[in-house]
Amino acid sequence: MKTIRVSLNSIDKVKTFVNEIGKYDFDFDLVSGRYVIDAKSIMGIFSLDLSKPIDLNIHAEGEKLEEVLAALKPYEVA
Protein backbone atom coordinates (compact mmCIF):
# COMPACT_ATOMS: atom_id res chain seq x y z
CA MET A 1 0.00 0.00 0.00
CA LYS A 2 1.16 3.53 -0.83
CA THR A 3 -0.27 6.77 0.58
CA ILE A 4 -0.15 10.12 -1.22
CA ARG A 5 -1.85 13.47 -0.57
CA VAL A 6 -4.27 14.66 -3.23
CA SER A 7 -6.24 17.85 -3.78
CA LEU A 8 -9.78 17.47 -5.15
CA ASN A 9 -10.98 21.04 -4.75
CA SER A 10 -13.34 21.28 -7.75
CA ILE A 11 -16.19 19.27 -9.23
CA ASP A 12 -14.27 18.73 -12.48
CA LYS A 13 -11.23 17.44 -10.58
CA VAL A 14 -13.39 14.96 -8.67
CA LYS A 15 -15.01 13.67 -11.87
CA THR A 16 -11.73 13.22 -13.74
CA PHE A 17 -10.10 11.68 -10.65
CA VAL A 18 -12.87 9.06 -10.29
CA ASN A 19 -12.73 8.29 -14.03
CA GLU A 20 -8.94 7.87 -13.84
CA ILE A 21 -8.88 5.49 -10.86
CA GLY A 22 -11.92 3.62 -12.19
CA LYS A 23 -9.63 2.16 -14.87
CA TYR A 24 -7.81 0.06 -12.24
CA ASP A 25 -9.04 -3.10 -10.53
CA PHE A 26 -7.49 -2.56 -7.12
CA ASP A 27 -8.80 -0.55 -4.15
CA PHE A 28 -8.35 3.14 -3.40
CA ASP A 29 -9.36 4.73 -0.07
CA LEU A 30 -9.60 8.42 0.76
CA VAL A 31 -8.86 9.24 4.40
CA SER A 32 -9.98 12.53 5.93
CA GLY A 33 -9.69 12.62 9.70
CA ARG A 34 -11.54 9.57 11.00
CA TYR A 35 -13.49 9.05 7.77
CA VAL A 36 -12.40 6.45 5.22
CA ILE A 37 -14.34 6.23 1.97
CA ASP A 38 -14.03 4.35 -1.32
CA ALA A 39 -12.22 6.75 -3.66
CA LYS A 40 -14.20 5.40 -6.63
CA SER A 41 -17.43 6.77 -5.10
CA ILE A 42 -18.27 10.29 -6.29
CA MET A 43 -20.97 10.64 -3.62
CA GLY A 44 -18.51 9.50 -0.95
CA ILE A 45 -15.90 12.02 -2.07
CA PHE A 46 -18.42 14.87 -1.90
CA SER A 47 -19.19 13.92 1.72
CA LEU A 48 -15.62 14.93 2.67
CA ASP A 49 -14.14 18.37 3.32
CA LEU A 50 -12.52 19.02 -0.06
CA SER A 51 -11.04 22.41 0.88
CA LYS A 52 -7.92 20.66 2.24
CA PRO A 53 -5.69 17.94 0.75
CA ILE A 54 -6.79 14.36 1.52
CA ASP A 55 -4.75 11.17 2.00
CA LEU A 56 -5.22 8.58 -0.74
CA ASN A 57 -4.32 4.97 0.10
CA ILE A 58 -3.49 2.98 -3.04
CA HIS A 59 -3.67 -0.79 -2.56
CA ALA A 60 -1.30 -1.81 -5.36
CA GLU A 61 2.31 -2.86 -5.77
CA GLY A 62 5.11 -2.95 -8.31
CA GLU A 63 4.66 -1.89 -11.90
CA LYS A 64 0.95 -1.16 -11.55
CA LEU A 65 1.64 1.17 -8.62
CA GLU A 66 4.09 3.19 -10.72
CA GLU A 67 1.48 3.43 -13.50
CA VAL A 68 -1.16 4.71 -11.06
CA LEU A 69 1.21 7.22 -9.47
CA ALA A 70 2.02 8.66 -12.91
CA ALA A 71 -1.71 8.95 -13.73
CA LEU A 72 -2.42 10.69 -10.41
CA LYS A 73 0.37 13.30 -10.70
CA PRO A 74 -2.07 16.15 -11.58
CA TYR A 75 -3.93 15.62 -8.27
CA GLU A 76 -0.93 15.09 -5.99
CA VAL A 77 0.24 17.78 -3.56
CA ALA A 78 3.58 17.89 -1.76
C-alpha atoms as a PDB file:
ATOM      1  CA  MET A   1       0.000   0.000   0.000  1.00  0.00           C
ATOM      2  CA  LYS A   2       1.160   3.528  -0.834  1.00  0.00           C
ATOM      3  CA  THR A   3      -0.268   6.771   0.580  1.00  0.00           C
ATOM      4  CA  ILE A   4      -0.153  10.118  -1.221  1.00  0.00           C
ATOM      5  CA  ARG A   5      -1.848  13.471  -0.571  1.00  0.00           C
ATOM      6  CA  VAL A   6      -4.271  14.663  -3.231  1.00  0.00           C
ATOM      7  CA  SER A   7      -6.239  17.848  -3.783  1.00  0.00           C
ATOM      8  CA  LEU A   8      -9.779  17.472  -5.149  1.00  0.00           C
ATOM      9  CA  ASN A   9     -10.975  21.043  -4.750  1.00  0.00           C
ATOM     10  CA  SER A  10     -13.336  21.284  -7.748  1.00  0.00           C
ATOM     11  CA  ILE A  11     -16.189  19.267  -9.228  1.00  0.00           C
ATOM     12  CA  ASP A  12     -14.266  18.726 -12.478  1.00  0.00           C
ATOM     13  CA  LYS A  13     -11.228  17.442 -10.581  1.00  0.00           C
ATOM     14  CA  VAL A  14     -13.387  14.957  -8.667  1.00  0.00           C
ATOM     15  CA  LYS A  15     -15.013  13.666 -11.870  1.00  0.00           C
ATOM     16  CA  THR A  16     -11.732  13.221 -13.743  1.00  0.00           C
ATOM     17  CA  PHE A  17     -10.099  11.676 -10.646  1.00  0.00           C
ATOM     18  CA  VAL A  18     -12.871   9.061 -10.289  1.00  0.00           C
ATOM     19  CA  ASN A  19     -12.732   8.294 -14.034  1.00  0.00           C
ATOM     20  CA  GLU A  20      -8.943   7.871 -13.839  1.00  0.00           C
ATOM     21  CA  ILE A  21      -8.877   5.487 -10.862  1.00  0.00           C
ATOM     22  CA  GLY A  22     -11.916   3.616 -12.188  1.00  0.00           C
ATOM     23  CA  LYS A  23      -9.626   2.160 -14.872  1.00  0.00           C
ATOM     24  CA  TYR A  24      -7.813   0.061 -12.244  1.00  0.00           C
ATOM     25  CA  ASP A  25      -9.038  -3.103 -10.528  1.00  0.00           C
ATOM     26  CA  PHE A  26      -7.494  -2.559  -7.115  1.00  0.00           C
ATOM     27  CA  ASP A  27      -8.795  -0.551  -4.153  1.00  0.00           C
ATOM     28  CA  PHE A  28      -8.345   3.139  -3.397  1.00  0.00           C
ATOM     29  CA  ASP A  29      -9.356   4.729  -0.074  1.00  0.00           C
ATOM     30  CA  LEU A  30      -9.596   8.417   0.759  1.00  0.00           C
ATOM     31  CA  VAL A  31      -8.865   9.243   4.398  1.00  0.00           C
ATOM     32  CA  SER A  32      -9.985  12.528   5.927  1.00  0.00           C
ATOM     33  CA  GLY A  33      -9.687  12.620   9.705  1.00  0.00           C
ATOM     34  CA  ARG A  34     -11.538   9.573  11.002  1.00  0.00           C
ATOM     35  CA  TYR A  35     -13.489   9.045   7.774  1.00  0.00           C
ATOM     36  CA  VAL A  36     -12.395   6.445   5.221  1.00  0.00           C
ATOM     37  CA  ILE A  37     -14.336   6.226   1.971  1.00  0.00           C
ATOM     38  CA  ASP A  38     -14.032   4.349  -1.317  1.00  0.00           C
ATOM     39  CA  ALA A  39     -12.215   6.746  -3.656  1.00  0.00           C
ATOM     40  CA  LYS A  40     -14.202   5.396  -6.628  1.00  0.00           C
ATOM     41  CA  SER A  41     -17.431   6.771  -5.105  1.00  0.00           C
ATOM     42  CA  ILE A  42     -18.266  10.285  -6.293  1.00  0.00           C
ATOM     43  CA  MET A  43     -20.966  10.636  -3.624  1.00  0.00           C
ATOM     44  CA  GLY A  44     -18.514   9.501  -0.952  1.00  0.00           C
ATOM     45  CA  ILE A  45     -15.904  12.021  -2.074  1.00  0.00           C
ATOM     46  CA  PHE A  46     -18.417  14.872  -1.903  1.00  0.00           C
ATOM     47  CA  SER A  47     -19.189  13.919   1.722  1.00  0.00           C
ATOM     48  CA  LEU A  48     -15.618  14.926   2.668  1.00  0.00           C
ATOM     49  CA  ASP A  49     -14.145  18.371   3.322  1.00  0.00           C
ATOM     50  CA  LEU A  50     -12.516  19.024  -0.063  1.00  0.00           C
ATOM     51  CA  SER A  51     -11.038  22.415   0.876  1.00  0.00           C
ATOM     52  CA  LYS A  52      -7.918  20.657   2.242  1.00  0.00           C
ATOM     53  CA  PRO A  53      -5.688  17.937   0.749  1.00  0.00           C
ATOM     54  CA  ILE A  54      -6.787  14.360   1.519  1.00  0.00           C
ATOM     55  CA  ASP A  55      -4.747  11.175   1.995  1.00  0.00           C
ATOM     56  CA  LEU A  56      -5.218   8.577  -0.745  1.00  0.00           C
ATOM     57  CA  ASN A  57      -4.323   4.972   0.095  1.00  0.00           C
ATOM     58  CA  ILE A  58      -3.487   2.983  -3.038  1.00  0.00           C
ATOM     59  CA  HIS A  59      -3.670  -0.787  -2.557  1.00  0.00           C
ATOM     60  CA  ALA A  60      -1.303  -1.813  -5.359  1.00  0.00           C
ATOM     61  CA  GLU A  61       2.305  -2.860  -5.768  1.00  0.00           C
ATOM     62  CA  GLY A  62       5.109  -2.946  -8.309  1.00  0.00           C
ATOM     63  CA  GLU A  63       4.656  -1.892 -11.900  1.00  0.00           C
ATOM     64  CA  LYS A  64       0.946  -1.155 -11.549  1.00  0.00           C
ATOM     65  CA  LEU A  65       1.641   1.166  -8.620  1.00  0.00           C
ATOM     66  CA  GLU A  66       4.085   3.194 -10.720  1.00  0.00           C
ATOM     67  CA  GLU A  67       1.478   3.431 -13.500  1.00  0.00           C
ATOM     68  CA  VAL A  68      -1.163   4.707 -11.060  1.00  0.00           C
ATOM     69  CA  LEU A  69       1.213   7.224  -9.473  1.00  0.00           C
ATOM     70  CA  ALA A  70       2.018   8.656 -12.908  1.00  0.00           C
ATOM     71  CA  ALA A  71      -1.706   8.954 -13.730  1.00  0.00           C
ATOM     72  CA  LEU A  72      -2.416  10.693 -10.411  1.00  0.00           C
ATOM     73  CA  LYS A  73       0.373  13.299 -10.702  1.00  0.00           C
ATOM     74  CA  PRO A  74      -2.067  16.149 -11.576  1.00  0.00           C
ATOM     75  CA  TYR A  75      -3.935  15.617  -8.266  1.00  0.00           C
ATOM     76  CA  GLU A  76      -0.930  15.087  -5.991  1.00  0.00           C
ATOM     77  CA  VAL A  77       0.244  17.781  -3.559  1.00  0.00           C
ATOM     78  CA  ALA A  78       3.578  17.888  -1.763  1.00  0.00           C
END
